[in-house]
Amino acid sequence: MTEELRKKAHELDVTVWVGKAGIDSVVDELNDQLADAELVKVKFLRSARGTDSTEALAETLAERVDAELFETRGNTAVYH
Protein backbone atom coordinates (compact mmCIF):
# COMPACT_ATOMS: atom_id res chain seq x y z
CA MET A 1 0.00 0.00 0.00
CA THR A 2 2.75 2.46 0.91
CA GLU A 3 4.56 1.95 -2.39
CA GLU A 4 1.31 2.56 -4.26
CA LEU A 5 0.72 5.79 -2.29
CA ARG A 6 4.31 6.89 -2.86
CA LYS A 7 3.82 6.50 -6.62
CA LYS A 8 0.55 8.48 -6.48
CA ALA A 9 2.24 11.17 -4.40
CA HIS A 10 5.05 11.51 -6.92
CA GLU A 11 2.57 12.02 -9.76
CA LEU A 12 0.42 14.57 -7.88
CA ASP A 13 0.38 18.23 -8.77
CA VAL A 14 0.65 20.82 -6.00
CA THR A 15 -2.85 22.08 -5.20
CA VAL A 16 -2.20 24.10 -2.02
CA TRP A 17 0.46 26.79 -1.65
CA VAL A 18 1.49 28.19 1.73
CA GLY A 19 2.78 31.74 1.37
CA LYS A 20 3.39 34.74 3.60
CA ALA A 21 -0.07 34.43 5.19
CA GLY A 22 1.16 31.19 6.77
CA ILE A 23 -0.49 27.87 7.47
CA ASP A 24 -3.58 29.40 9.09
CA SER A 25 -4.70 30.63 5.69
CA VAL A 26 -4.74 27.13 4.13
CA VAL A 27 -6.23 24.96 6.90
CA ASP A 28 -9.79 25.07 5.53
CA GLU A 29 -8.68 24.53 1.93
CA LEU A 30 -6.51 21.56 2.85
CA ASN A 31 -9.34 20.05 4.92
CA ASP A 32 -11.70 20.39 1.95
CA GLN A 33 -9.23 18.80 -0.45
CA LEU A 34 -8.45 15.92 1.91
CA ALA A 35 -12.18 15.20 2.16
CA ASP A 36 -12.23 14.69 -1.63
CA ALA A 37 -8.81 13.15 -2.30
CA GLU A 38 -6.63 10.45 -0.79
CA LEU A 39 -3.47 12.57 -1.06
CA VAL A 40 -2.89 16.32 -1.29
CA LYS A 41 0.42 17.96 -2.17
CA VAL A 42 1.32 21.27 -0.47
CA LYS A 43 4.16 23.62 -1.44
CA PHE A 44 5.72 25.84 1.23
CA LEU A 45 6.95 29.01 -0.44
CA ARG A 46 10.04 30.82 0.85
CA SER A 47 7.88 33.62 2.29
CA ALA A 48 6.05 31.08 4.51
CA ARG A 49 9.15 29.40 5.86
CA GLY A 50 11.00 32.28 7.48
CA THR A 51 13.27 30.61 10.03
CA ASP A 52 11.20 27.40 10.27
CA SER A 53 12.06 24.30 8.30
CA THR A 54 9.61 22.87 5.80
CA GLU A 55 9.40 19.75 7.96
CA ALA A 56 8.41 21.75 11.05
CA LEU A 57 5.75 23.71 9.17
CA ALA A 58 4.46 20.52 7.54
CA GLU A 59 4.13 18.79 10.92
CA THR A 60 2.27 21.77 12.38
CA LEU A 61 -0.10 21.87 9.43
CA ALA A 62 -0.73 18.11 9.73
CA GLU A 63 -1.75 18.59 13.36
CA ARG A 64 -4.03 21.52 12.46
CA VAL A 65 -5.96 19.50 9.85
CA ASP A 66 -5.75 16.19 11.73
CA ALA A 67 -4.08 14.51 8.77
CA GLU A 68 -1.13 12.20 8.32
CA LEU A 69 2.01 13.81 6.94
CA PHE A 70 2.85 11.20 4.32
CA GLU A 71 6.19 12.65 3.20
CA THR A 72 8.18 15.83 2.77
CA ARG A 73 10.61 16.41 -0.06
CA GLY A 74 12.34 19.73 -0.53
CA ASN A 75 9.74 22.43 0.11
CA THR A 76 6.79 20.15 -0.62
CA ALA A 77 4.71 17.97 1.69
CA VAL A 78 2.15 15.30 0.94
CA TYR A 79 -0.79 14.73 3.28
CA HIS A 80 -2.96 11.65 3.63
C-alpha atoms as a PDB file:
ATOM      1  CA  MET A   1       0.000   0.000   0.000  1.00  0.00           C
ATOM      2  CA  THR A   2       2.747   2.462   0.909  1.00  0.00           C
ATOM      3  CA  GLU A   3       4.558   1.949  -2.390  1.00  0.00           C
ATOM      4  CA  GLU A   4       1.311   2.559  -4.257  1.00  0.00           C
ATOM      5  CA  LEU A   5       0.716   5.786  -2.295  1.00  0.00           C
ATOM      6  CA  ARG A   6       4.308   6.885  -2.862  1.00  0.00           C
ATOM      7  CA  LYS A   7       3.819   6.496  -6.621  1.00  0.00           C
ATOM      8  CA  LYS A   8       0.551   8.477  -6.479  1.00  0.00           C
ATOM      9  CA  ALA A   9       2.236  11.174  -4.398  1.00  0.00           C
ATOM     10  CA  HIS A  10       5.049  11.512  -6.919  1.00  0.00           C
ATOM     11  CA  GLU A  11       2.573  12.024  -9.762  1.00  0.00           C
ATOM     12  CA  LEU A  12       0.424  14.566  -7.880  1.00  0.00           C
ATOM     13  CA  ASP A  13       0.385  18.232  -8.767  1.00  0.00           C
ATOM     14  CA  VAL A  14       0.651  20.817  -6.000  1.00  0.00           C
ATOM     15  CA  THR A  15      -2.853  22.085  -5.199  1.00  0.00           C
ATOM     16  CA  VAL A  16      -2.200  24.096  -2.019  1.00  0.00           C
ATOM     17  CA  TRP A  17       0.460  26.786  -1.646  1.00  0.00           C
ATOM     18  CA  VAL A  18       1.494  28.195   1.730  1.00  0.00           C
ATOM     19  CA  GLY A  19       2.781  31.742   1.367  1.00  0.00           C
ATOM     20  CA  LYS A  20       3.387  34.744   3.597  1.00  0.00           C
ATOM     21  CA  ALA A  21      -0.074  34.430   5.194  1.00  0.00           C
ATOM     22  CA  GLY A  22       1.161  31.190   6.774  1.00  0.00           C
ATOM     23  CA  ILE A  23      -0.490  27.875   7.470  1.00  0.00           C
ATOM     24  CA  ASP A  24      -3.581  29.397   9.093  1.00  0.00           C
ATOM     25  CA  SER A  25      -4.697  30.629   5.689  1.00  0.00           C
ATOM     26  CA  VAL A  26      -4.737  27.133   4.134  1.00  0.00           C
ATOM     27  CA  VAL A  27      -6.231  24.955   6.896  1.00  0.00           C
ATOM     28  CA  ASP A  28      -9.786  25.074   5.527  1.00  0.00           C
ATOM     29  CA  GLU A  29      -8.680  24.534   1.928  1.00  0.00           C
ATOM     30  CA  LEU A  30      -6.510  21.565   2.851  1.00  0.00           C
ATOM     31  CA  ASN A  31      -9.340  20.048   4.917  1.00  0.00           C
ATOM     32  CA  ASP A  32     -11.698  20.388   1.950  1.00  0.00           C
ATOM     33  CA  GLN A  33      -9.231  18.802  -0.448  1.00  0.00           C
ATOM     34  CA  LEU A  34      -8.445  15.919   1.913  1.00  0.00           C
ATOM     35  CA  ALA A  35     -12.176  15.199   2.159  1.00  0.00           C
ATOM     36  CA  ASP A  36     -12.229  14.685  -1.627  1.00  0.00           C
ATOM     37  CA  ALA A  37      -8.806  13.151  -2.305  1.00  0.00           C
ATOM     38  CA  GLU A  38      -6.632  10.453  -0.790  1.00  0.00           C
ATOM     39  CA  LEU A  39      -3.473  12.565  -1.058  1.00  0.00           C
ATOM     40  CA  VAL A  40      -2.888  16.321  -1.290  1.00  0.00           C
ATOM     41  CA  LYS A  41       0.424  17.965  -2.167  1.00  0.00           C
ATOM     42  CA  VAL A  42       1.316  21.268  -0.474  1.00  0.00           C
ATOM     43  CA  LYS A  43       4.162  23.616  -1.439  1.00  0.00           C
ATOM     44  CA  PHE A  44       5.719  25.836   1.229  1.00  0.00           C
ATOM     45  CA  LEU A  45       6.955  29.013  -0.440  1.00  0.00           C
ATOM     46  CA  ARG A  46      10.036  30.815   0.855  1.00  0.00           C
ATOM     47  CA  SER A  47       7.876  33.616   2.285  1.00  0.00           C
ATOM     48  CA  ALA A  48       6.054  31.079   4.507  1.00  0.00           C
ATOM     49  CA  ARG A  49       9.154  29.397   5.863  1.00  0.00           C
ATOM     50  CA  GLY A  50      11.003  32.283   7.483  1.00  0.00           C
ATOM     51  CA  THR A  51      13.266  30.609  10.033  1.00  0.00           C
ATOM     52  CA  ASP A  52      11.199  27.402  10.267  1.00  0.00           C
ATOM     53  CA  SER A  53      12.062  24.302   8.296  1.00  0.00           C
ATOM     54  CA  THR A  54       9.605  22.873   5.801  1.00  0.00           C
ATOM     55  CA  GLU A  55       9.401  19.748   7.958  1.00  0.00           C
ATOM     56  CA  ALA A  56       8.411  21.750  11.051  1.00  0.00           C
ATOM     57  CA  LEU A  57       5.754  23.706   9.167  1.00  0.00           C
ATOM     58  CA  ALA A  58       4.461  20.517   7.536  1.00  0.00           C
ATOM     59  CA  GLU A  59       4.126  18.789  10.922  1.00  0.00           C
ATOM     60  CA  THR A  60       2.271  21.773  12.377  1.00  0.00           C
ATOM     61  CA  LEU A  61      -0.102  21.869   9.426  1.00  0.00           C
ATOM     62  CA  ALA A  62      -0.732  18.112   9.730  1.00  0.00           C
ATOM     63  CA  GLU A  63      -1.745  18.593  13.359  1.00  0.00           C
ATOM     64  CA  ARG A  64      -4.034  21.522  12.460  1.00  0.00           C
ATOM     65  CA  VAL A  65      -5.963  19.502   9.853  1.00  0.00           C
ATOM     66  CA  ASP A  66      -5.746  16.190  11.732  1.00  0.00           C
ATOM     67  CA  ALA A  67      -4.079  14.507   8.768  1.00  0.00           C
ATOM     68  CA  GLU A  68      -1.127  12.202   8.316  1.00  0.00           C
ATOM     69  CA  LEU A  69       2.010  13.810   6.936  1.00  0.00           C
ATOM     70  CA  PHE A  70       2.853  11.198   4.321  1.00  0.00           C
ATOM     71  CA  GLU A  71       6.185  12.650   3.198  1.00  0.00           C
ATOM     72  CA  THR A  72       8.183  15.831   2.775  1.00  0.00           C
ATOM     73  CA  ARG A  73      10.607  16.406  -0.056  1.00  0.00           C
ATOM     74  CA  GLY A  74      12.342  19.726  -0.533  1.00  0.00           C
ATOM     75  CA  ASN A  75       9.737  22.427   0.109  1.00  0.00           C
ATOM     76  CA  THR A  76       6.789  20.155  -0.621  1.00  0.00           C
ATOM     77  CA  ALA A  77       4.714  17.970   1.693  1.00  0.00           C
ATOM     78  CA  VAL A  78       2.147  15.296   0.938  1.00  0.00           C
ATOM     79  CA  TYR A  79      -0.791  14.727   3.277  1.00  0.00           C
ATOM     80  CA  HIS A  80      -2.959  11.651   3.633  1.00  0.00           C
END
